[in-house]
Amino acid sequence: MLLTRIDPDSNMARFYRLEISPDLLGGVVLIRNWGRIGAAGQECRQWFDGPDDARQELQLWARRKQRRGYCVSGPVTLL
C-alpha cells in the first residue's frame, strides 16, 4: 500500500509504503518505508507469526497516516 502526502504550499511531498511479505522461517514481515518522494527514505521491519497479525498492524499504520493527511495512492494488496 502506498500513501502520499503532497502540499506544494509547504513544499511537502512525502510517501509512506506498507508491505506484507513472507519470510524464510514461515512467518511474515511488515515492511514500512517512508520519506520524501524521490528519495530512498527510511525502513523498518516488523516480524509476525501469522498474516492476520501483520494485516492488523498494517491497517493500524494506514489509519494513523490517513489521520495525518496521507492519501492512498497505490494498490492495496493484503497477503
N, C-alpha and C. Protein backbone atom coordinates (compact mmCIF):
# COMPACT_ATOMS: atom_id res chain seq x y z
N MET A 1 0.85 -1.16 0.00
CA MET A 1 0.00 0.00 0.00
C MET A 1 0.90 1.23 0.00
N LEU A 2 0.61 2.15 -0.87
CA LEU A 2 1.38 3.38 -0.96
C LEU A 2 0.49 4.55 -0.56
N LEU A 3 0.96 5.33 0.40
CA LEU A 3 0.26 6.52 0.85
C LEU A 3 1.15 7.72 0.54
N THR A 4 0.55 8.81 0.12
CA THR A 4 1.32 10.02 -0.16
C THR A 4 0.67 11.23 0.51
N ARG A 5 1.50 12.20 0.79
CA ARG A 5 1.04 13.47 1.33
C ARG A 5 1.78 14.57 0.59
N ILE A 6 1.05 15.31 -0.24
CA ILE A 6 1.66 16.34 -1.07
C ILE A 6 0.97 17.67 -0.79
N ASP A 7 1.77 18.66 -0.44
CA ASP A 7 1.27 20.02 -0.19
C ASP A 7 2.29 21.00 -0.78
N PRO A 8 2.04 21.48 -2.01
CA PRO A 8 3.00 22.39 -2.65
C PRO A 8 3.24 23.69 -1.87
N ASP A 9 2.24 24.16 -1.16
CA ASP A 9 2.38 25.42 -0.42
C ASP A 9 3.45 25.32 0.68
N SER A 10 3.57 24.15 1.28
CA SER A 10 4.58 23.98 2.33
C SER A 10 5.76 23.13 1.85
N ASN A 11 5.88 22.95 0.54
CA ASN A 11 6.98 22.19 -0.06
C ASN A 11 7.07 20.78 0.54
N MET A 12 5.90 20.13 0.68
CA MET A 12 5.85 18.79 1.27
C MET A 12 5.46 17.78 0.20
N ALA A 13 6.28 16.77 0.05
CA ALA A 13 5.99 15.66 -0.86
C ALA A 13 6.55 14.40 -0.22
N ARG A 14 5.70 13.70 0.53
CA ARG A 14 6.15 12.55 1.31
C ARG A 14 5.40 11.29 0.90
N PHE A 15 6.04 10.16 1.16
CA PHE A 15 5.40 8.87 0.90
C PHE A 15 5.53 8.00 2.14
N TYR A 16 4.63 7.02 2.22
CA TYR A 16 4.67 6.01 3.28
C TYR A 16 4.21 4.72 2.64
N ARG A 17 5.09 3.73 2.56
CA ARG A 17 4.79 2.46 1.91
C ARG A 17 4.68 1.36 2.97
N LEU A 18 3.62 0.56 2.87
CA LEU A 18 3.38 -0.57 3.76
C LEU A 18 3.29 -1.83 2.91
N GLU A 19 4.04 -2.85 3.30
CA GLU A 19 4.07 -4.10 2.52
C GLU A 19 4.19 -5.29 3.46
N ILE A 20 3.40 -6.33 3.19
CA ILE A 20 3.49 -7.58 3.94
C ILE A 20 4.14 -8.61 3.03
N SER A 21 5.15 -9.29 3.57
CA SER A 21 5.89 -10.27 2.78
C SER A 21 6.19 -11.49 3.64
N PRO A 22 6.18 -12.70 3.05
CA PRO A 22 6.57 -13.88 3.82
C PRO A 22 8.07 -13.88 4.09
N ASP A 23 8.47 -14.47 5.21
CA ASP A 23 9.90 -14.59 5.48
C ASP A 23 10.33 -16.05 5.33
N LEU A 24 11.59 -16.32 5.47
CA LEU A 24 12.13 -17.66 5.24
C LEU A 24 11.80 -18.65 6.35
N LEU A 25 11.36 -18.18 7.49
CA LEU A 25 11.11 -19.06 8.63
C LEU A 25 9.63 -19.40 8.80
N GLY A 26 8.80 -19.07 7.82
CA GLY A 26 7.39 -19.41 7.87
C GLY A 26 6.49 -18.33 8.43
N GLY A 27 7.05 -17.23 8.87
CA GLY A 27 6.27 -16.11 9.37
C GLY A 27 6.07 -15.07 8.28
N VAL A 28 5.67 -13.91 8.69
CA VAL A 28 5.51 -12.79 7.75
C VAL A 28 6.18 -11.56 8.35
N VAL A 29 6.51 -10.63 7.47
CA VAL A 29 7.15 -9.39 7.91
C VAL A 29 6.39 -8.21 7.32
N LEU A 30 6.14 -7.21 8.17
CA LEU A 30 5.55 -5.95 7.72
C LEU A 30 6.71 -5.00 7.48
N ILE A 31 6.82 -4.52 6.25
CA ILE A 31 7.89 -3.59 5.88
C ILE A 31 7.27 -2.20 5.74
N ARG A 32 7.77 -1.26 6.53
CA ARG A 32 7.34 0.13 6.45
C ARG A 32 8.50 0.95 5.90
N ASN A 33 8.23 1.72 4.86
CA ASN A 33 9.24 2.55 4.22
C ASN A 33 8.64 3.94 4.06
N TRP A 34 9.39 4.98 4.48
CA TRP A 34 8.85 6.34 4.41
C TRP A 34 9.95 7.34 4.12
N GLY A 35 9.52 8.50 3.62
CA GLY A 35 10.47 9.57 3.34
C GLY A 35 9.92 10.55 2.33
N ARG A 36 10.82 11.34 1.79
CA ARG A 36 10.46 12.33 0.78
C ARG A 36 10.36 11.64 -0.57
N ILE A 37 9.37 11.99 -1.36
CA ILE A 37 9.20 11.40 -2.69
C ILE A 37 10.45 11.70 -3.52
N GLY A 38 11.01 10.66 -4.12
CA GLY A 38 12.22 10.80 -4.91
C GLY A 38 13.47 10.36 -4.16
N ALA A 39 13.33 10.13 -2.85
CA ALA A 39 14.46 9.68 -2.03
C ALA A 39 14.21 8.24 -1.59
N ALA A 40 15.26 7.57 -1.15
CA ALA A 40 15.13 6.19 -0.70
C ALA A 40 14.33 6.10 0.60
N GLY A 41 14.49 7.05 1.48
CA GLY A 41 13.76 7.06 2.74
C GLY A 41 14.33 6.10 3.77
N GLN A 42 13.56 5.91 4.81
CA GLN A 42 13.94 5.02 5.91
C GLN A 42 13.07 3.77 5.85
N GLU A 43 13.53 2.71 6.55
CA GLU A 43 12.78 1.46 6.52
C GLU A 43 12.77 0.83 7.90
N CYS A 44 11.66 0.19 8.22
CA CYS A 44 11.52 -0.55 9.47
C CYS A 44 10.81 -1.86 9.15
N ARG A 45 11.32 -2.97 9.72
CA ARG A 45 10.72 -4.28 9.50
C ARG A 45 10.23 -4.82 10.84
N GLN A 46 9.03 -5.40 10.79
CA GLN A 46 8.41 -5.93 12.00
C GLN A 46 7.92 -7.35 11.68
N TRP A 47 8.37 -8.35 12.44
CA TRP A 47 8.05 -9.75 12.18
C TRP A 47 6.83 -10.20 12.97
N PHE A 48 6.03 -11.08 12.33
CA PHE A 48 4.83 -11.65 12.95
C PHE A 48 4.78 -13.14 12.68
N ASP A 49 4.08 -13.87 13.55
CA ASP A 49 3.93 -15.32 13.37
C ASP A 49 2.96 -15.65 12.23
N GLY A 50 1.94 -14.83 12.05
CA GLY A 50 0.94 -15.11 11.02
C GLY A 50 0.50 -13.86 10.28
N PRO A 51 -0.14 -14.05 9.13
CA PRO A 51 -0.55 -12.90 8.31
C PRO A 51 -1.65 -12.05 8.95
N ASP A 52 -2.49 -12.65 9.80
CA ASP A 52 -3.57 -11.87 10.41
C ASP A 52 -3.03 -10.76 11.30
N ASP A 53 -2.02 -11.08 12.10
CA ASP A 53 -1.42 -10.05 12.96
C ASP A 53 -0.75 -8.96 12.13
N ALA A 54 -0.09 -9.36 11.06
CA ALA A 54 0.57 -8.38 10.19
C ALA A 54 -0.45 -7.48 9.51
N ARG A 55 -1.58 -8.05 9.08
CA ARG A 55 -2.64 -7.25 8.43
C ARG A 55 -3.22 -6.24 9.42
N GLN A 56 -3.42 -6.66 10.66
CA GLN A 56 -3.95 -5.73 11.67
C GLN A 56 -2.99 -4.57 11.89
N GLU A 57 -1.70 -4.86 11.97
CA GLU A 57 -0.71 -3.80 12.16
C GLU A 57 -0.65 -2.88 10.94
N LEU A 58 -0.74 -3.45 9.73
CA LEU A 58 -0.74 -2.64 8.51
C LEU A 58 -1.93 -1.69 8.52
N GLN A 59 -3.10 -2.20 8.87
CA GLN A 59 -4.29 -1.35 8.89
C GLN A 59 -4.18 -0.27 9.96
N LEU A 60 -3.57 -0.59 11.08
CA LEU A 60 -3.35 0.39 12.14
C LEU A 60 -2.47 1.54 11.63
N TRP A 61 -1.35 1.20 10.97
CA TRP A 61 -0.46 2.24 10.44
C TRP A 61 -1.13 3.03 9.33
N ALA A 62 -1.92 2.38 8.48
CA ALA A 62 -2.61 3.09 7.41
C ALA A 62 -3.60 4.11 7.98
N ARG A 63 -4.35 3.71 9.00
CA ARG A 63 -5.28 4.65 9.63
C ARG A 63 -4.55 5.82 10.27
N ARG A 64 -3.43 5.54 10.95
CA ARG A 64 -2.64 6.62 11.57
C ARG A 64 -2.21 7.64 10.52
N LYS A 65 -1.70 7.15 9.41
CA LYS A 65 -1.18 8.05 8.38
C LYS A 65 -2.31 8.81 7.69
N GLN A 66 -3.45 8.16 7.49
CA GLN A 66 -4.57 8.87 6.86
C GLN A 66 -5.11 9.97 7.76
N ARG A 67 -5.06 9.76 9.07
CA ARG A 67 -5.47 10.83 10.00
C ARG A 67 -4.52 12.03 9.91
N ARG A 68 -3.26 11.77 9.50
CA ARG A 68 -2.27 12.85 9.39
C ARG A 68 -2.28 13.50 8.01
N GLY A 69 -3.20 13.08 7.12
CA GLY A 69 -3.34 13.73 5.83
C GLY A 69 -2.81 12.95 4.65
N TYR A 70 -2.32 11.74 4.85
CA TYR A 70 -1.85 10.90 3.74
C TYR A 70 -3.05 10.31 3.01
N CYS A 71 -2.92 10.14 1.69
CA CYS A 71 -3.97 9.55 0.86
C CYS A 71 -3.43 8.29 0.22
N VAL A 72 -4.29 7.29 0.04
CA VAL A 72 -3.88 6.04 -0.61
C VAL A 72 -3.61 6.34 -2.09
N SER A 73 -2.40 6.00 -2.55
CA SER A 73 -2.00 6.29 -3.92
C SER A 73 -1.68 5.04 -4.72
N GLY A 74 -1.46 3.94 -4.04
CA GLY A 74 -1.06 2.72 -4.73
C GLY A 74 -2.02 1.60 -4.44
N PRO A 75 -1.79 0.44 -5.05
CA PRO A 75 -2.68 -0.68 -4.87
C PRO A 75 -2.66 -1.20 -3.43
N VAL A 76 -3.80 -1.67 -3.01
CA VAL A 76 -3.93 -2.25 -1.68
C VAL A 76 -4.01 -3.77 -1.86
N THR A 77 -2.93 -4.45 -1.54
CA THR A 77 -2.91 -5.91 -1.62
C THR A 77 -2.49 -6.46 -0.28
N LEU A 78 -3.34 -7.29 0.28
CA LEU A 78 -3.05 -7.89 1.58
C LEU A 78 -2.76 -9.36 1.38
N LEU A 79 -1.80 -9.88 2.09
CA LEU A 79 -1.40 -11.28 2.00
C LEU A 79 -2.51 -12.19 2.47
